[in-house]
Amino acid sequence: MTDFMTEYDLYCTQHGVPERIDLMLCDINAVLRGKWLPSSEVSKLLDNQVRIPLSTYAPNIFGFEIPETGLGMIQGDPDGILKPILGTLKPVPWAKGNVAQLMVEMHEMNGEISELSPRLILQRIVDKFKNKGLNPVVACELEFYIINKRKKFLTHQNHLKKILMDRITYLKW
């Protein structure tokens, strides 16, 4: 954890001491959640004193608890310990004042990364591929939307009409 203090000191040298640090935790929906930490309390991050409920990892896309997970309801809402992800301390140029942001990972009270961590789950999947000599790749093909122009623009109503007519033609066949 002392590596984080080195990173923090370097940040302060380059950008000045931030007024606060936005701690950001990625949930299962890839929504960033977290809390603000005044820079005067940065030592709490090193002393495992910054905590957040485990249920923070698993809300639905609207941010509400999902009863089926049991988190926050059946087993109460135990806290996890937030720990910094090295290399992610960055300035927030659009914020007023000197604000930093930091990606964090939630750990269980025993020090292990939470089993609910999307980063841990993804790493385990990537490791399974690597153990088989494979390297997963993800690619978005946005160029089709940027380069290829539609021959005919369909309004919403025309599009629905076309779908309906296609289905009627299929049923008649």
C-alpha atoms as a PDB file:
ATOM      1  CA  MET A   1       0.000   0.000   0.000  1.00  0.00           C
ATOM      2  CA  THR A   2       2.982   2.305   0.369  1.00  0.00           C
ATOM      3  CA  ASP A   3       3.136   2.366  -3.434  1.00  0.00           C
ATOM      4  CA  PHE A   4      -0.103   4.331  -3.341  1.00  0.00           C
ATOM      5  CA  MET A   5       1.490   6.942  -1.072  1.00  0.00           C
ATOM      6  CA  THR A   6       4.305   7.307  -3.614  1.00  0.00           C
ATOM      7  CA  GLU A   7       1.688   7.778  -6.341  1.00  0.00           C
ATOM      8  CA  TYR A   8      -0.243  10.248  -4.167  1.00  0.00           C
ATOM      9  CA  ASP A   9       2.901  12.270  -3.342  1.00  0.00           C
ATOM     10  CA  LEU A  10       3.800  12.432  -7.044  1.00  0.00           C
ATOM     11  CA  TYR A  11       0.235  13.561  -7.848  1.00  0.00           C
ATOM     12  CA  CYS A  12       0.482  16.323  -5.215  1.00  0.00           C
ATOM     13  CA  THR A  13       3.842  17.449  -6.641  1.00  0.00           C
ATOM     14  CA  GLN A  14       2.425  17.662 -10.173  1.00  0.00           C
ATOM     15  CA  HIS A  15      -1.111  18.948  -9.468  1.00  0.00           C
ATOM     16  CA  GLY A  16      -1.113  20.215  -5.890  1.00  0.00           C
ATOM     17  CA  VAL A  17      -2.930  18.652  -2.949  1.00  0.00           C
ATOM     18  CA  PRO A  18      -6.488  17.837  -4.037  1.00  0.00           C
ATOM     19  CA  GLU A  19      -9.420  19.123  -2.023  1.00  0.00           C
ATOM     20  CA  ARG A  20     -10.990  15.681  -2.280  1.00  0.00           C
ATOM     21  CA  ILE A  21     -10.542  12.338  -3.981  1.00  0.00           C
ATOM     22  CA  ASP A  22     -13.513  10.769  -5.756  1.00  0.00           C
ATOM     23  CA  LEU A  23     -13.256   7.055  -4.967  1.00  0.00           C
ATOM     24  CA  MET A  24     -14.820   5.088  -7.832  1.00  0.00           C
ATOM     25  CA  LEU A  25     -15.937   1.474  -7.671  1.00  0.00           C
ATOM     26  CA  CYS A  26     -17.322  -0.249 -10.769  1.00  0.00           C
ATOM     27  CA  ASP A  27     -20.502  -2.273 -10.095  1.00  0.00           C
ATOM     28  CA  ILE A  28     -21.761  -5.291 -12.059  1.00  0.00           C
ATOM     29  CA  ASN A  29     -23.522  -2.957 -14.507  1.00  0.00           C
ATOM     30  CA  ALA A  30     -20.316  -0.997 -15.220  1.00  0.00           C
ATOM     31  CA  VAL A  31     -21.732   1.990 -13.324  1.00  0.00           C
ATOM     32  CA  LEU A  32     -19.199   3.850 -11.216  1.00  0.00           C
ATOM     33  CA  ARG A  33     -20.242   4.154  -7.585  1.00  0.00           C
ATOM     34  CA  GLY A  34     -18.336   5.393  -4.609  1.00  0.00           C
ATOM     35  CA  LYS A  35     -17.719   8.220  -2.236  1.00  0.00           C
ATOM     36  CA  TRP A  36     -15.728  11.384  -1.715  1.00  0.00           C
ATOM     37  CA  LEU A  37     -12.678  11.324   0.503  1.00  0.00           C
ATOM     38  CA  PRO A  38     -11.257  14.634   1.751  1.00  0.00           C
ATOM     39  CA  SER A  39      -7.520  14.648   1.010  1.00  0.00           C
ATOM     40  CA  SER A  40      -6.882  15.321   4.692  1.00  0.00           C
ATOM     41  CA  GLU A  41      -8.188  11.773   5.297  1.00  0.00           C
ATOM     42  CA  VAL A  42      -6.092   9.958   2.681  1.00  0.00           C
ATOM     43  CA  SER A  43      -4.353   8.015   5.474  1.00  0.00           C
ATOM     44  CA  LYS A  44      -7.704   6.272   6.134  1.00  0.00           C
ATOM     45  CA  LEU A  45      -7.339   4.638   2.743  1.00  0.00           C
ATOM     46  CA  LEU A  46      -4.032   3.141   3.862  1.00  0.00           C
ATOM     47  CA  ASP A  47      -5.374   2.073   7.253  1.00  0.00           C
ATOM     48  CA  ASN A  48      -8.360   0.132   5.799  1.00  0.00           C
ATOM     49  CA  GLN A  49     -10.801   2.607   7.319  1.00  0.00           C
ATOM     50  CA  VAL A  50     -12.658   3.566   4.129  1.00  0.00           C
ATOM     51  CA  ARG A  51     -15.580   1.205   3.799  1.00  0.00           C
ATOM     52  CA  ILE A  52     -18.676   0.821   1.699  1.00  0.00           C
ATOM     53  CA  PRO A  53     -21.511  -1.776   1.754  1.00  0.00           C
ATOM     54  CA  LEU A  54     -20.903  -4.962  -0.249  1.00  0.00           C
ATOM     55  CA  SER A  55     -24.298  -4.431  -1.886  1.00  0.00           C
ATOM     56  CA  THR A  56     -22.724  -1.491  -3.758  1.00  0.00           C
ATOM     57  CA  TYR A  57     -21.422  -4.061  -6.263  1.00  0.00           C
ATOM     58  CA  ALA A  58     -24.793  -5.579  -7.095  1.00  0.00           C
ATOM     59  CA  PRO A  59     -27.667  -3.135  -7.626  1.00  0.00           C
ATOM     60  CA  ASN A  60     -29.923  -3.330 -10.645  1.00  0.00           C
ATOM     61  CA  ILE A  61     -29.258  -0.872 -13.471  1.00  0.00           C
ATOM     62  CA  PHE A  62     -31.417   1.742 -11.699  1.00  0.00           C
ATOM     63  CA  GLY A  63     -29.344   1.505  -8.497  1.00  0.00           C
ATOM     64  CA  PHE A  64     -31.868  -0.406  -6.398  1.00  0.00           C
ATOM     65  CA  GLU A  65     -31.033  -3.500  -4.368  1.00  0.00           C
ATOM     66  CA  ILE A  66     -32.005  -6.835  -5.889  1.00  0.00           C
ATOM     67  CA  PRO A  67     -33.777  -8.947  -3.235  1.00  0.00           C
ATOM     68  CA  GLU A  68     -32.653 -12.217  -4.866  1.00  0.00           C
ATOM     69  CA  THR A  69     -28.980 -11.434  -4.138  1.00  0.00           C
ATOM     70  CA  GLY A  70     -29.641 -11.370  -0.420  1.00  0.00           C
ATOM     71  CA  LEU A  71     -27.282  -8.416  -0.152  1.00  0.00           C
ATOM     72  CA  GLY A  72     -28.495  -5.634   2.089  1.00  0.00           C
ATOM     73  CA  MET A  73     -31.592  -7.596   3.036  1.00  0.00           C
ATOM     74  CA  ILE A  74     -31.151 -11.192   4.163  1.00  0.00           C
ATOM     75  CA  GLN A  75     -27.604 -10.969   5.494  1.00  0.00           C
ATOM     76  CA  GLY A  76     -27.704  -7.292   6.411  1.00  0.00           C
ATOM     77  CA  ASP A  77     -25.350  -5.024   4.553  1.00  0.00           C
ATOM     78  CA  PRO A  78     -21.806  -5.778   5.665  1.00  0.00           C
ATOM     79  CA  ASP A  79     -19.057  -3.406   4.637  1.00  0.00           C
ATOM     80  CA  GLY A  80     -16.118  -4.057   2.404  1.00  0.00           C
ATOM     81  CA  ILE A  81     -12.826  -2.186   2.628  1.00  0.00           C
ATOM     82  CA  LEU A  82     -11.918   0.100  -0.273  1.00  0.00           C
ATOM     83  CA  LYS A  83      -8.335  -0.172  -1.487  1.00  0.00           C
ATOM     84  CA  PRO A  84      -6.732   1.866  -4.281  1.00  0.00           C
ATOM     85  CA  ILE A  85      -5.975   0.410  -7.699  1.00  0.00           C
ATOM     86  CA  LEU A  86      -2.462   1.595  -8.407  1.00  0.00           C
ATOM     87  CA  GLY A  87      -1.973   3.803 -11.444  1.00  0.00           C
ATOM     88  CA  THR A  88      -5.527   5.180 -11.443  1.00  0.00           C
ATOM     89  CA  LEU A  89      -5.099   8.414  -9.446  1.00  0.00           C
ATOM     90  CA  LYS A  90      -5.896  11.175 -11.953  1.00  0.00           C
ATOM     91  CA  PRO A  91      -7.022  14.815 -11.926  1.00  0.00           C
ATOM     92  CA  VAL A  92     -10.645  15.677 -12.691  1.00  0.00           C
ATOM     93  CA  PRO A  93     -10.288  18.701 -14.995  1.00  0.00           C
ATOM     94  CA  TRP A  94     -14.033  19.370 -15.317  1.00  0.00           C
ATOM     95  CA  ALA A  95     -14.561  19.641 -11.543  1.00  0.00           C
ATOM     96  CA  LYS A  96     -14.360  22.978  -9.745  1.00  0.00           C
ATOM     97  CA  GLY A  97     -11.231  23.200  -7.667  1.00  0.00           C
ATOM     98  CA  ASN A  98      -8.483  20.631  -7.391  1.00  0.00           C
ATOM     99  CA  VAL A  99     -10.223  17.247  -7.427  1.00  0.00           C
ATOM    100  CA  ALA A 100      -8.667  13.833  -7.995  1.00  0.00           C
ATOM    101  CA  GLN A 101     -10.309  10.544  -8.887  1.00  0.00           C
ATOM    102  CA  LEU A 102      -9.160   7.069  -7.953  1.00  0.00           C
ATOM    103  CA  MET A 103     -10.428   3.646  -8.958  1.00  0.00           C
ATOM    104  CA  VAL A 104     -10.806   1.380  -5.942  1.00  0.00           C
ATOM    105  CA  GLU A 105     -11.398  -2.305  -5.353  1.00  0.00           C
ATOM    106  CA  MET A 106     -13.472  -3.694  -2.508  1.00  0.00           C
ATOM    107  CA  HIS A 107     -11.842  -6.208  -0.197  1.00  0.00           C
ATOM    108  CA  GLU A 108     -13.407  -8.485   2.397  1.00  0.00           C
ATOM    109  CA  MET A 109     -12.482  -8.018   6.053  1.00  0.00           C
ATOM    110  CA  ASN A 110      -9.952 -10.868   5.676  1.00  0.00           C
ATOM    111  CA  GLY A 111      -8.056  -8.797   3.065  1.00  0.00           C
ATOM    112  CA  GLU A 112      -9.095 -10.813   0.002  1.00  0.00           C
ATOM    113  CA  ILE A 113     -10.675  -9.086  -2.996  1.00  0.00           C
ATOM    114  CA  SER A 114     -14.461  -9.434  -2.780  1.00  0.00           C
ATOM    115  CA  GLU A 115     -15.911 -12.342  -4.744  1.00  0.00           C
ATOM    116  CA  LEU A 116     -18.446  -9.828  -6.098  1.00  0.00           C
ATOM    117  CA  SER A 117     -15.761  -7.774  -7.828  1.00  0.00           C
ATOM    118  CA  PRO A 118     -16.471  -7.491 -11.581  1.00  0.00           C
ATOM    119  CA  ARG A 119     -12.739  -6.980 -12.096  1.00  0.00           C
ATOM    120  CA  LEU A 120     -11.954 -10.250 -10.283  1.00  0.00           C
ATOM    121  CA  ILE A 121     -14.671 -12.135 -12.160  1.00  0.00           C
ATOM    122  CA  LEU A 122     -13.364 -10.836 -15.501  1.00  0.00           C
ATOM    123  CA  GLN A 123      -9.768 -11.679 -14.547  1.00  0.00           C
ATOM    124  CA  ARG A 124     -10.773 -15.260 -13.743  1.00  0.00           C
ATOM    125  CA  ILE A 125     -12.460 -15.589 -17.148  1.00  0.00           C
ATOM    126  CA  VAL A 126      -9.410 -14.148 -18.939  1.00  0.00           C
ATOM    127  CA  ASP A 127      -7.178 -16.554 -16.977  1.00  0.00           C
ATOM    128  CA  LYS A 128      -9.276 -19.517 -18.165  1.00  0.00           C
ATOM    129  CA  PHE A 129      -8.743 -18.425 -21.775  1.00  0.00           C
ATOM    130  CA  LYS A 130      -5.009 -17.926 -21.217  1.00  0.00           C
ATOM    131  CA  ASN A 131      -4.712 -21.393 -19.639  1.00  0.00           C
ATOM    132  CA  LYS A 132      -6.025 -22.774 -22.944  1.00  0.00           C
ATOM    133  CA  GLY A 133      -3.594 -20.673 -24.950  1.00  0.00           C
ATOM    134  CA  LEU A 134      -6.331 -18.284 -26.087  1.00  0.00           C
ATOM    135  CA  ASN A 135      -6.513 -14.499 -25.932  1.00  0.00           C
ATOM    136  CA  PRO A 136     -10.036 -13.037 -25.907  1.00  0.00           C
ATOM    137  CA  VAL A 137     -10.554  -9.940 -28.045  1.00  0.00           C
ATOM    138  CA  VAL A 138     -13.487  -7.542 -28.120  1.00  0.00           C
ATOM    139  CA  ALA A 139     -14.107  -5.259 -31.073  1.00  0.00           C
ATOM    140  CA  CYS A 140     -16.817  -2.749 -31.857  1.00  0.00           C
ATOM    141  CA  GLU A 141     -17.526  -2.135 -35.516  1.00  0.00           C
ATOM    142  CA  LEU A 142     -18.739   1.434 -35.361  1.00  0.00           C
ATOM    143  CA  GLU A 143     -17.345   2.199 -38.804  1.00  0.00           C
ATOM    144  CA  PHE A 144     -20.486   0.720 -40.369  1.00  0.00           C
ATOM    145  CA  TYR A 145     -22.523   3.465 -38.742  1.00  0.00           C
ATOM    146  CA  ILE A 146     -20.037   6.180 -39.579  1.00  0.00           C
ATOM    147  CA  ILE A 147     -19.112   5.342 -43.183  1.00  0.00           C
ATOM    148  CA  ASN A 148     -22.046   3.476 -44.750  1.00  0.00           C
ATOM    149  CA  LYS A 149     -24.949   5.759 -45.490  1.00  0.00           C
ATOM    150  CA  ARG A 150     -28.449   4.290 -45.479  1.00  0.00           C
ATOM    151  CA  LYS A 151     -30.058   4.170 -48.894  1.00  0.00           C
ATOM    152  CA  LYS A 152     -33.455   5.097 -47.517  1.00  0.00           C
ATOM    153  CA  PHE A 153     -34.187   6.705 -44.194  1.00  0.00           C
ATOM    154  CA  LEU A 154     -36.996   4.937 -42.362  1.00  0.00           C
ATOM    155  CA  THR A 155     -39.096   6.829 -39.873  1.00  0.00           C
ATOM    156  CA  HIS A 156     -40.193   4.943 -36.788  1.00  0.00           C
ATOM    157  CA  GLN A 157     -43.673   4.387 -38.266  1.00  0.00           C
ATOM    158  CA  ASN A 158     -42.276   3.276 -41.635  1.00  0.00           C
ATOM    159  CA  HIS A 159     -39.914   0.886 -39.881  1.00  0.00           C
ATOM    160  CA  LEU A 160     -42.745  -0.704 -37.882  1.00  0.00           C
ATOM    161  CA  LYS A 161     -44.873  -0.910 -41.034  1.00  0.00           C
ATOM    162  CA  LYS A 162     -42.035  -2.655 -42.894  1.00  0.00           C
ATOM    163  CA  ILE A 163     -41.595  -5.204 -40.077  1.00  0.00           C
ATOM    164  CA  LEU A 164     -45.340  -5.865 -40.001  1.00  0.00           C
ATOM    165  CA  MET A 165     -45.529  -6.285 -43.795  1.00  0.00           C
ATOM    166  CA  ASP A 166     -42.544  -8.652 -43.749  1.00  0.00           C
ATOM    167  CA  ARG A 167     -44.295 -10.791 -41.133  1.00  0.00           C
ATOM    168  CA  ILE A 168     -47.594 -10.806 -43.037  1.00  0.00           C
ATOM    169  CA  THR A 169     -45.764 -11.839 -46.228  1.00  0.00           C
ATOM    170  CA  TYR A 170     -44.061 -14.651 -44.284  1.00  0.00           C
ATOM    171  CA  LEU A 171     -47.365 -15.866 -42.839  1.00  0.00           C
ATOM    172  CA  LYS A 172     -49.026 -15.903 -46.279  1.00  0.00           C
ATOM    173  CA  TRP A 173     -46.240 -18.035 -47.675  1.00  0.00           C
END
